[in-house]
Amino acid sequence: DAVCLANATPFGLGASLWTRDLDRAE
């Protein structure tokens, strides 16, 4: 869901992810 919402925009400049699991974030 998070990825779908993040990409649900005509823009694509930057994004930030906040998590303790760095492998998951990558």
mmCIF file of all heavy atoms, coordinates in Angstrom:
data_MODEL
# 
_entry.id   MODEL 
# 
loop_
_atom_site.group_PDB 
_atom_site.id 
_atom_site.type_symbol 
_atom_site.label_atom_id 
_atom_site.label_alt_id 
_atom_site.label_comp_id 
_atom_site.label_asym_id 
_atom_site.label_entity_id 
_atom_site.label_seq_id 
_atom_site.pdbx_PDB_ins_code 
_atom_site.Cartn_x 
_atom_site.Cartn_y 
_atom_site.Cartn_z 
_atom_site.occupancy 
_atom_site.B_iso_or_equiv 
_atom_site.pdbx_formal_charge 
_atom_site.auth_seq_id 
_atom_site.auth_comp_id 
_atom_site.auth_asym_id 
_atom_site.auth_atom_id 
_atom_site.pdbx_PDB_model_num 
ATOM 1   N N   . ASP A 1 1  ? 0.836  -1.204 0.000   1.00 0.00 ? 1  ASP A N   1 
ATOM 2   C CA  . ASP A 1 1  ? 0.000  0.000  0.000   1.00 0.00 ? 1  ASP A CA  1 
ATOM 3   C C   . ASP A 1 1  ? 0.872  1.255  0.000   1.00 0.00 ? 1  ASP A C   1 
ATOM 4   O O   . ASP A 1 1  ? 0.586  2.234  -0.706  1.00 0.00 ? 1  ASP A O   1 
ATOM 5   C CB  . ASP A 1 1  ? -0.906 0.032  1.230   1.00 0.00 ? 1  ASP A CB  1 
ATOM 6   C CG  . ASP A 1 1  ? -1.989 -1.023 1.189   1.00 0.00 ? 1  ASP A CG  1 
ATOM 7   O OD1 . ASP A 1 1  ? -2.292 -1.518 0.088   1.00 0.00 ? 1  ASP A OD1 1 
ATOM 8   O OD2 . ASP A 1 1  ? -2.541 -1.349 2.260   1.00 0.00 ? 1  ASP A OD2 1 
ATOM 9   N N   . ALA A 1 2  ? 1.928  1.240  0.819   1.00 0.00 ? 2  ALA A N   1 
ATOM 10  C CA  . ALA A 1 2  ? 2.813  2.401  0.924   1.00 0.00 ? 2  ALA A CA  1 
ATOM 11  C C   . ALA A 1 2  ? 3.459  2.717  -0.413  1.00 0.00 ? 2  ALA A C   1 
ATOM 12  O O   . ALA A 1 2  ? 3.516  3.883  -0.832  1.00 0.00 ? 2  ALA A O   1 
ATOM 13  C CB  . ALA A 1 2  ? 3.873  2.160  1.994   1.00 0.00 ? 2  ALA A CB  1 
ATOM 14  N N   . VAL A 1 3  ? 3.950  1.697  -1.090  1.00 0.00 ? 3  VAL A N   1 
ATOM 15  C CA  . VAL A 1 3  ? 4.587  1.906  -2.391  1.00 0.00 ? 3  VAL A CA  1 
ATOM 16  C C   . VAL A 1 3  ? 3.568  2.424  -3.404  1.00 0.00 ? 3  VAL A C   1 
ATOM 17  O O   . VAL A 1 3  ? 3.855  3.348  -4.181  1.00 0.00 ? 3  VAL A O   1 
ATOM 18  C CB  . VAL A 1 3  ? 5.228  0.599  -2.897  1.00 0.00 ? 3  VAL A CB  1 
ATOM 19  C CG1 . VAL A 1 3  ? 5.692  0.752  -4.344  1.00 0.00 ? 3  VAL A CG1 1 
ATOM 20  C CG2 . VAL A 1 3  ? 6.397  0.209  -2.003  1.00 0.00 ? 3  VAL A CG2 1 
ATOM 21  N N   . CYS A 1 4  ? 2.379  1.845  -3.390  1.00 0.00 ? 4  CYS A N   1 
ATOM 22  C CA  . CYS A 1 4  ? 1.327  2.284  -4.317  1.00 0.00 ? 4  CYS A CA  1 
ATOM 23  C C   . CYS A 1 4  ? 0.985  3.754  -4.102  1.00 0.00 ? 4  CYS A C   1 
ATOM 24  O O   . CYS A 1 4  ? 0.879  4.522  -5.060  1.00 0.00 ? 4  CYS A O   1 
ATOM 25  C CB  . CYS A 1 4  ? 0.098  1.401  -4.136  1.00 0.00 ? 4  CYS A CB  1 
ATOM 26  S SG  . CYS A 1 4  ? -1.243 1.769  -5.285  1.00 0.00 ? 4  CYS A SG  1 
ATOM 27  N N   . LEU A 1 5  ? 0.826  4.161  -2.842  1.00 0.00 ? 5  LEU A N   1 
ATOM 28  C CA  . LEU A 1 5  ? 0.518  5.558  -2.541  1.00 0.00 ? 5  LEU A CA  1 
ATOM 29  C C   . LEU A 1 5  ? 1.691  6.474  -2.870  1.00 0.00 ? 5  LEU A C   1 
ATOM 30  O O   . LEU A 1 5  ? 1.503  7.577  -3.398  1.00 0.00 ? 5  LEU A O   1 
ATOM 31  C CB  . LEU A 1 5  ? 0.147  5.699  -1.067  1.00 0.00 ? 5  LEU A CB  1 
ATOM 32  C CG  . LEU A 1 5  ? -1.214 5.130  -0.657  1.00 0.00 ? 5  LEU A CG  1 
ATOM 33  C CD1 . LEU A 1 5  ? -1.308 5.025  0.866   1.00 0.00 ? 5  LEU A CD1 1 
ATOM 34  C CD2 . LEU A 1 5  ? -2.355 5.988  -1.207  1.00 0.00 ? 5  LEU A CD2 1 
ATOM 35  N N   . ALA A 1 6  ? 2.897  6.036  -2.567  1.00 0.00 ? 6  ALA A N   1 
ATOM 36  C CA  . ALA A 1 6  ? 4.075  6.852  -2.859  1.00 0.00 ? 6  ALA A CA  1 
ATOM 37  C C   . ALA A 1 6  ? 4.177  7.144  -4.347  1.00 0.00 ? 6  ALA A C   1 
ATOM 38  O O   . ALA A 1 6  ? 4.537  8.258  -4.756  1.00 0.00 ? 6  ALA A O   1 
ATOM 39  C CB  . ALA A 1 6  ? 5.342  6.156  -2.369  1.00 0.00 ? 6  ALA A CB  1 
ATOM 40  N N   . ASN A 1 7  ? 3.837  6.145  -5.176  1.00 0.00 ? 7  ASN A N   1 
ATOM 41  C CA  . ASN A 1 7  ? 3.959  6.300  -6.624  1.00 0.00 ? 7  ASN A CA  1 
ATOM 42  C C   . ASN A 1 7  ? 2.712  6.890  -7.282  1.00 0.00 ? 7  ASN A C   1 
ATOM 43  O O   . ASN A 1 7  ? 2.718  7.139  -8.490  1.00 0.00 ? 7  ASN A O   1 
ATOM 44  C CB  . ASN A 1 7  ? 4.265  4.946  -7.262  1.00 0.00 ? 7  ASN A CB  1 
ATOM 45  C CG  . ASN A 1 7  ? 5.656  4.439  -6.913  1.00 0.00 ? 7  ASN A CG  1 
ATOM 46  O OD1 . ASN A 1 7  ? 6.534  5.211  -6.540  1.00 0.00 ? 7  ASN A OD1 1 
ATOM 47  N ND2 . ASN A 1 7  ? 5.858  3.139  -7.036  1.00 0.00 ? 7  ASN A ND2 1 
ATOM 48  N N   . ALA A 1 8  ? 1.657  7.131  -6.495  1.00 0.00 ? 8  ALA A N   1 
ATOM 49  C CA  . ALA A 1 8  ? 0.393  7.643  -7.044  1.00 0.00 ? 8  ALA A CA  1 
ATOM 50  C C   . ALA A 1 8  ? 0.461  9.160  -7.217  1.00 0.00 ? 8  ALA A C   1 
ATOM 51  O O   . ALA A 1 8  ? -0.329 9.916  -6.645  1.00 0.00 ? 8  ALA A O   1 
ATOM 52  C CB  . ALA A 1 8  ? -0.772 7.255  -6.138  1.00 0.00 ? 8  ALA A CB  1 
ATOM 53  N N   . THR A 1 9  ? 1.428  9.611  -8.006  1.00 0.00 ? 9  THR A N   1 
ATOM 54  C CA  . THR A 1 9  ? 1.649  11.039 -8.226  1.00 0.00 ? 9  THR A CA  1 
ATOM 55  C C   . THR A 1 9  ? 2.335  11.219 -9.573  1.00 0.00 ? 9  THR A C   1 
ATOM 56  O O   . THR A 1 9  ? 3.103  10.342 -10.000 1.00 0.00 ? 9  THR A O   1 
ATOM 57  C CB  . THR A 1 9  ? 2.541  11.635 -7.116  1.00 0.00 ? 9  THR A CB  1 
ATOM 58  O OG1 . THR A 1 9  ? 2.877  12.997 -7.441  1.00 0.00 ? 9  THR A OG1 1 
ATOM 59  C CG2 . THR A 1 9  ? 3.835  10.842 -6.949  1.00 0.00 ? 9  THR A CG2 1 
ATOM 60  N N   . PRO A 1 10 ? 2.060  12.314 -10.252 1.00 0.00 ? 10 PRO A N   1 
ATOM 61  C CA  . PRO A 1 10 ? 2.777  12.570 -11.509 1.00 0.00 ? 10 PRO A CA  1 
ATOM 62  C C   . PRO A 1 10 ? 4.223  12.994 -11.285 1.00 0.00 ? 10 PRO A C   1 
ATOM 63  O O   . PRO A 1 10 ? 5.004  13.061 -12.234 1.00 0.00 ? 10 PRO A O   1 
ATOM 64  C CB  . PRO A 1 10 ? 1.960  13.695 -12.155 1.00 0.00 ? 10 PRO A CB  1 
ATOM 65  C CG  . PRO A 1 10 ? 1.302  14.394 -11.001 1.00 0.00 ? 10 PRO A CG  1 
ATOM 66  C CD  . PRO A 1 10 ? 1.015  13.320 -9.996  1.00 0.00 ? 10 PRO A CD  1 
ATOM 67  N N   . PHE A 1 11 ? 4.587  13.262 -10.016 1.00 0.00 ? 11 PHE A N   1 
ATOM 68  C CA  . PHE A 1 11 ? 5.940  13.711 -9.709  1.00 0.00 ? 11 PHE A CA  1 
ATOM 69  C C   . PHE A 1 11 ? 6.832  12.544 -9.303  1.00 0.00 ? 11 PHE A C   1 
ATOM 70  O O   . PHE A 1 11 ? 6.348  11.488 -8.908  1.00 0.00 ? 11 PHE A O   1 
ATOM 71  C CB  . PHE A 1 11 ? 5.902  14.740 -8.574  1.00 0.00 ? 11 PHE A CB  1 
ATOM 72  C CG  . PHE A 1 11 ? 5.116  15.983 -8.896  1.00 0.00 ? 11 PHE A CG  1 
ATOM 73  C CD1 . PHE A 1 11 ? 3.833  16.161 -8.384  1.00 0.00 ? 11 PHE A CD1 1 
ATOM 74  C CD2 . PHE A 1 11 ? 5.640  16.958 -9.726  1.00 0.00 ? 11 PHE A CD2 1 
ATOM 75  C CE1 . PHE A 1 11 ? 3.094  17.298 -8.680  1.00 0.00 ? 11 PHE A CE1 1 
ATOM 76  C CE2 . PHE A 1 11 ? 4.915  18.101 -10.034 1.00 0.00 ? 11 PHE A CE2 1 
ATOM 77  C CZ  . PHE A 1 11 ? 3.634  18.264 -9.509  1.00 0.00 ? 11 PHE A CZ  1 
ATOM 78  N N   . GLY A 1 12 ? 8.127  12.764 -9.374  1.00 0.00 ? 12 GLY A N   1 
ATOM 79  C CA  . GLY A 1 12 ? 9.076  11.729 -8.970  1.00 0.00 ? 12 GLY A CA  1 
ATOM 80  C C   . GLY A 1 12 ? 10.423 12.318 -8.623  1.00 0.00 ? 12 GLY A C   1 
ATOM 81  O O   . GLY A 1 12 ? 11.444 11.924 -9.195  1.00 0.00 ? 12 GLY A O   1 
ATOM 82  N N   . LEU A 1 13 ? 10.430 13.277 -7.691  1.00 0.00 ? 13 LEU A N   1 
ATOM 83  C CA  . LEU A 1 13 ? 11.695 13.927 -7.345  1.00 0.00 ? 13 LEU A CA  1 
ATOM 84  C C   . LEU A 1 13 ? 12.420 13.167 -6.244  1.00 0.00 ? 13 LEU A C   1 
ATOM 85  O O   . LEU A 1 13 ? 13.528 12.659 -6.435  1.00 0.00 ? 13 LEU A O   1 
ATOM 86  C CB  . LEU A 1 13 ? 11.451 15.378 -6.926  1.00 0.00 ? 13 LEU A CB  1 
ATOM 87  C CG  . LEU A 1 13 ? 12.706 16.254 -6.816  1.00 0.00 ? 13 LEU A CG  1 
ATOM 88  C CD1 . LEU A 1 13 ? 13.522 16.227 -8.090  1.00 0.00 ? 13 LEU A CD1 1 
ATOM 89  C CD2 . LEU A 1 13 ? 12.316 17.691 -6.468  1.00 0.00 ? 13 LEU A CD2 1 
ATOM 90  N N   . GLY A 1 14 ? 11.819 13.059 -5.063  1.00 0.00 ? 14 GLY A N   1 
ATOM 91  C CA  . GLY A 1 14 ? 12.469 12.363 -3.965  1.00 0.00 ? 14 GLY A CA  1 
ATOM 92  C C   . GLY A 1 14 ? 11.457 11.643 -3.094  1.00 0.00 ? 14 GLY A C   1 
ATOM 93  O O   . GLY A 1 14 ? 10.240 11.794 -3.255  1.00 0.00 ? 14 GLY A O   1 
ATOM 94  N N   . ALA A 1 15 ? 11.964 10.853 -2.159  1.00 0.00 ? 15 ALA A N   1 
ATOM 95  C CA  . ALA A 1 15 ? 11.124 10.163 -1.180  1.00 0.00 ? 15 ALA A CA  1 
ATOM 96  C C   . ALA A 1 15 ? 11.987 9.839  0.023   1.00 0.00 ? 15 ALA A C   1 
ATOM 97  O O   . ALA A 1 15 ? 13.196 9.630  -0.107  1.00 0.00 ? 15 ALA A O   1 
ATOM 98  C CB  . ALA A 1 15 ? 10.537 8.878  -1.765  1.00 0.00 ? 15 ALA A CB  1 
ATOM 99  N N   . SER A 1 16 ? 11.367 9.796  1.197   1.00 0.00 ? 16 SER A N   1 
ATOM 100 C CA  . SER A 1 16 ? 12.096 9.360  2.394   1.00 0.00 ? 16 SER A CA  1 
ATOM 101 C C   . SER A 1 16 ? 11.321 8.241  3.080   1.00 0.00 ? 16 SER A C   1 
ATOM 102 O O   . SER A 1 16 ? 10.089 8.257  3.123   1.00 0.00 ? 16 SER A O   1 
ATOM 103 C CB  . SER A 1 16 ? 12.343 10.532 3.353   1.00 0.00 ? 16 SER A CB  1 
ATOM 104 O OG  . SER A 1 16 ? 11.131 11.098 3.800   1.00 0.00 ? 16 SER A OG  1 
ATOM 105 N N   . LEU A 1 17 ? 12.068 7.267  3.579   1.00 0.00 ? 17 LEU A N   1 
ATOM 106 C CA  . LEU A 1 17 ? 11.504 6.101  4.271   1.00 0.00 ? 17 LEU A CA  1 
ATOM 107 C C   . LEU A 1 17 ? 12.034 6.076  5.698   1.00 0.00 ? 17 LEU A C   1 
ATOM 108 O O   . LEU A 1 17 ? 13.230 6.296  5.925   1.00 0.00 ? 17 LEU A O   1 
ATOM 109 C CB  . LEU A 1 17 ? 11.928 4.813  3.578   1.00 0.00 ? 17 LEU A CB  1 
ATOM 110 C CG  . LEU A 1 17 ? 11.367 4.508  2.186   1.00 0.00 ? 17 LEU A CG  1 
ATOM 111 C CD1 . LEU A 1 17 ? 12.077 3.305  1.599   1.00 0.00 ? 17 LEU A CD1 1 
ATOM 112 C CD2 . LEU A 1 17 ? 9.873  4.262  2.247   1.00 0.00 ? 17 LEU A CD2 1 
ATOM 113 N N   . TRP A 1 18 ? 11.151 5.771  6.664   1.00 0.00 ? 18 TRP A N   1 
ATOM 114 C CA  . TRP A 1 18 ? 11.551 5.765  8.071   1.00 0.00 ? 18 TRP A CA  1 
ATOM 115 C C   . TRP A 1 18 ? 11.229 4.400  8.667   1.00 0.00 ? 18 TRP A C   1 
ATOM 116 O O   . TRP A 1 18 ? 10.064 3.980  8.708   1.00 0.00 ? 18 TRP A O   1 
ATOM 117 C CB  . TRP A 1 18 ? 10.849 6.905  8.810   1.00 0.00 ? 18 TRP A CB  1 
ATOM 118 C CG  . TRP A 1 18 ? 11.243 8.234  8.228   1.00 0.00 ? 18 TRP A CG  1 
ATOM 119 C CD1 . TRP A 1 18 ? 10.786 8.788  7.067   1.00 0.00 ? 18 TRP A CD1 1 
ATOM 120 C CD2 . TRP A 1 18 ? 12.206 9.137  8.744   1.00 0.00 ? 18 TRP A CD2 1 
ATOM 121 N NE1 . TRP A 1 18 ? 11.407 9.991  6.841   1.00 0.00 ? 18 TRP A NE1 1 
ATOM 122 C CE2 . TRP A 1 18 ? 12.293 10.242 7.851   1.00 0.00 ? 18 TRP A CE2 1 
ATOM 123 C CE3 . TRP A 1 18 ? 13.010 9.154  9.891   1.00 0.00 ? 18 TRP A CE3 1 
ATOM 124 C CZ2 . TRP A 1 18 ? 13.142 11.325 8.051   1.00 0.00 ? 18 TRP A CZ2 1 
ATOM 125 C CZ3 . TRP A 1 18 ? 13.869 10.233 10.099  1.00 0.00 ? 18 TRP A CZ3 1 
ATOM 126 C CH2 . TRP A 1 18 ? 13.929 11.297 9.187   1.00 0.00 ? 18 TRP A CH2 1 
ATOM 127 N N   . THR A 1 19 ? 12.256 3.688  9.095   1.00 0.00 ? 19 THR A N   1 
ATOM 128 C CA  . THR A 1 19 ? 12.110 2.330  9.604   1.00 0.00 ? 19 THR A CA  1 
ATOM 129 C C   . THR A 1 19 ? 13.377 1.921  10.351  1.00 0.00 ? 19 THR A C   1 
ATOM 130 O O   . THR A 1 19 ? 14.453 2.477  10.110  1.00 0.00 ? 19 THR A O   1 
ATOM 131 C CB  . THR A 1 19 ? 11.865 1.343  8.438   1.00 0.00 ? 19 THR A CB  1 
ATOM 132 O OG1 . THR A 1 19 ? 11.829 0.014  8.940   1.00 0.00 ? 19 THR A OG1 1 
ATOM 133 C CG2 . THR A 1 19 ? 12.963 1.435  7.387   1.00 0.00 ? 19 THR A CG2 1 
ATOM 134 N N   . ARG A 1 20 ? 13.243 0.925  11.218  1.00 0.00 ? 20 ARG A N   1 
ATOM 135 C CA  . ARG A 1 20 ? 14.428 0.354  11.879  1.00 0.00 ? 20 ARG A CA  1 
ATOM 136 C C   . ARG A 1 20 ? 15.054 -0.759 11.034  1.00 0.00 ? 20 ARG A C   1 
ATOM 137 O O   . ARG A 1 20 ? 16.186 -1.154 11.287  1.00 0.00 ? 20 ARG A O   1 
ATOM 138 C CB  . ARG A 1 20 ? 14.030 -0.208 13.251  1.00 0.00 ? 20 ARG A CB  1 
ATOM 139 C CG  . ARG A 1 20 ? 13.695 0.846  14.302  1.00 0.00 ? 20 ARG A CG  1 
ATOM 140 C CD  . ARG A 1 20 ? 13.392 0.165  15.632  1.00 0.00 ? 20 ARG A CD  1 
ATOM 141 N NE  . ARG A 1 20 ? 13.288 1.101  16.737  1.00 0.00 ? 20 ARG A NE  1 
ATOM 142 C CZ  . ARG A 1 20 ? 12.145 1.656  17.154  1.00 0.00 ? 20 ARG A CZ  1 
ATOM 143 N NH1 . ARG A 1 20 ? 11.024 1.378  16.502  1.00 0.00 ? 20 ARG A NH1 1 
ATOM 144 N NH2 . ARG A 1 20 ? 12.132 2.487  18.179  1.00 0.00 ? 20 ARG A NH2 1 
ATOM 145 N N   . ASP A 1 21 ? 14.324 -1.263 10.055  1.00 0.00 ? 21 ASP A N   1 
ATOM 146 C CA  . ASP A 1 21 ? 14.775 -2.395 9.246   1.00 0.00 ? 21 ASP A CA  1 
ATOM 147 C C   . ASP A 1 21 ? 15.393 -1.869 7.947   1.00 0.00 ? 21 ASP A C   1 
ATOM 148 O O   . ASP A 1 21 ? 14.697 -1.579 6.976   1.00 0.00 ? 21 ASP A O   1 
ATOM 149 C CB  . ASP A 1 21 ? 13.588 -3.309 8.945   1.00 0.00 ? 21 ASP A CB  1 
ATOM 150 C CG  . ASP A 1 21 ? 14.000 -4.608 8.286   1.00 0.00 ? 21 ASP A CG  1 
ATOM 151 O OD1 . ASP A 1 21 ? 15.085 -4.651 7.675   1.00 0.00 ? 21 ASP A OD1 1 
ATOM 152 O OD2 . ASP A 1 21 ? 13.217 -5.579 8.364   1.00 0.00 ? 21 ASP A OD2 1 
ATOM 153 N N   . LEU A 1 22 ? 16.718 -1.779 7.915   1.00 0.00 ? 22 LEU A N   1 
ATOM 154 C CA  . LEU A 1 22 ? 17.391 -1.174 6.768   1.00 0.00 ? 22 LEU A CA  1 
ATOM 155 C C   . LEU A 1 22 ? 17.324 -2.054 5.526   1.00 0.00 ? 22 LEU A C   1 
ATOM 156 O O   . LEU A 1 22 ? 17.271 -1.531 4.399   1.00 0.00 ? 22 LEU A O   1 
ATOM 157 C CB  . LEU A 1 22 ? 18.842 -0.865 7.125   1.00 0.00 ? 22 LEU A CB  1 
ATOM 158 C CG  . LEU A 1 22 ? 19.037 0.090  8.313   1.00 0.00 ? 22 LEU A CG  1 
ATOM 159 C CD1 . LEU A 1 22 ? 20.506 0.451  8.471   1.00 0.00 ? 22 LEU A CD1 1 
ATOM 160 C CD2 . LEU A 1 22 ? 18.189 1.355  8.159   1.00 0.00 ? 22 LEU A CD2 1 
ATOM 161 N N   . ASP A 1 23 ? 17.332 -3.363 5.676   1.00 0.00 ? 23 ASP A N   1 
ATOM 162 C CA  . ASP A 1 23 ? 17.195 -4.246 4.520   1.00 0.00 ? 23 ASP A CA  1 
ATOM 163 C C   . ASP A 1 23 ? 15.820 -4.075 3.880   1.00 0.00 ? 23 ASP A C   1 
ATOM 164 O O   . ASP A 1 23 ? 15.685 -4.034 2.647   1.00 0.00 ? 23 ASP A O   1 
ATOM 165 C CB  . ASP A 1 23 ? 17.391 -5.708 4.934   1.00 0.00 ? 23 ASP A CB  1 
ATOM 166 C CG  . ASP A 1 23 ? 18.838 -6.024 5.314   1.00 0.00 ? 23 ASP A CG  1 
ATOM 167 O OD1 . ASP A 1 23 ? 19.734 -5.293 4.841   1.00 0.00 ? 23 ASP A OD1 1 
ATOM 168 O OD2 . ASP A 1 23 ? 19.055 -6.978 6.091   1.00 0.00 ? 23 ASP A OD2 1 
ATOM 169 N N   . ARG A 1 24 ? 14.824 -3.965 4.701   1.00 0.00 ? 24 ARG A N   1 
ATOM 170 C CA  . ARG A 1 24 ? 13.457 -3.739 4.203   1.00 0.00 ? 24 ARG A CA  1 
ATOM 171 C C   . ARG A 1 24 ? 13.387 -2.413 3.457   1.00 0.00 ? 24 ARG A C   1 
ATOM 172 O O   . ARG A 1 24 ? 12.799 -2.326 2.369   1.00 0.00 ? 24 ARG A O   1 
ATOM 173 C CB  . ARG A 1 24 ? 12.514 -3.739 5.402   1.00 0.00 ? 24 ARG A CB  1 
ATOM 174 C CG  . ARG A 1 24 ? 11.050 -3.514 5.117   1.00 0.00 ? 24 ARG A CG  1 
ATOM 175 C CD  . ARG A 1 24 ? 10.322 -3.384 6.455   1.00 0.00 ? 24 ARG A CD  1 
ATOM 176 N NE  . ARG A 1 24 ? 8.889  -3.262 6.328   1.00 0.00 ? 24 ARG A NE  1 
ATOM 177 C CZ  . ARG A 1 24 ? 8.089  -2.931 7.358   1.00 0.00 ? 24 ARG A CZ  1 
ATOM 178 N NH1 . ARG A 1 24 ? 8.620  -2.733 8.572   1.00 0.00 ? 24 ARG A NH1 1 
ATOM 179 N NH2 . ARG A 1 24 ? 6.783  -2.831 7.185   1.00 0.00 ? 24 ARG A NH2 1 
ATOM 180 N N   . ALA A 1 25 ? 14.007 -1.393 4.020   1.00 0.00 ? 25 ALA A N   1 
ATOM 181 C CA  . ALA A 1 25 ? 13.991 -0.070 3.387   1.00 0.00 ? 25 ALA A CA  1 
ATOM 182 C C   . ALA A 1 25 ? 14.687 -0.100 2.031   1.00 0.00 ? 25 ALA A C   1 
ATOM 183 O O   . ALA A 1 25 ? 14.214 0.513  1.066   1.00 0.00 ? 25 ALA A O   1 
ATOM 184 C CB  . ALA A 1 25 ? 14.667 0.955  4.302   1.00 0.00 ? 25 ALA A CB  1 
ATOM 185 N N   . GLU A 1 26 ? 15.808 -0.805 1.965   1.00 0.00 ? 26 GLU A N   1 
ATOM 186 C CA  . GLU A 1 26 ? 16.557 -0.847 0.706   1.00 0.00 ? 26 GLU A CA  1 
ATOM 187 C C   . GLU A 1 26 ? 15.745 -1.518 -0.395  1.00 0.00 ? 26 GLU A C   1 
ATOM 188 O O   . GLU A 1 26 ? 15.760 -1.089 -1.553  1.00 0.00 ? 26 GLU A O   1 
ATOM 189 C CB  . GLU A 1 26 ? 17.879 -1.579 0.915   1.00 0.00 ? 26 GLU A CB  1 
ATOM 190 C CG  . GLU A 1 26 ? 18.822 -1.470 -0.260  1.00 0.00 ? 26 GLU A CG  1 
ATOM 191 C CD  . GLU A 1 26 ? 20.211 -1.986 0.040   1.00 0.00 ? 26 GLU A CD  1 
ATOM 192 O OE1 . GLU A 1 26 ? 20.556 -2.136 1.237   1.00 0.00 ? 26 GLU A OE1 1 
ATOM 193 O OE2 . GLU A 1 26 ? 20.961 -2.242 -0.932  1.00 0.00 ? 26 GLU A OE2 1 
# 
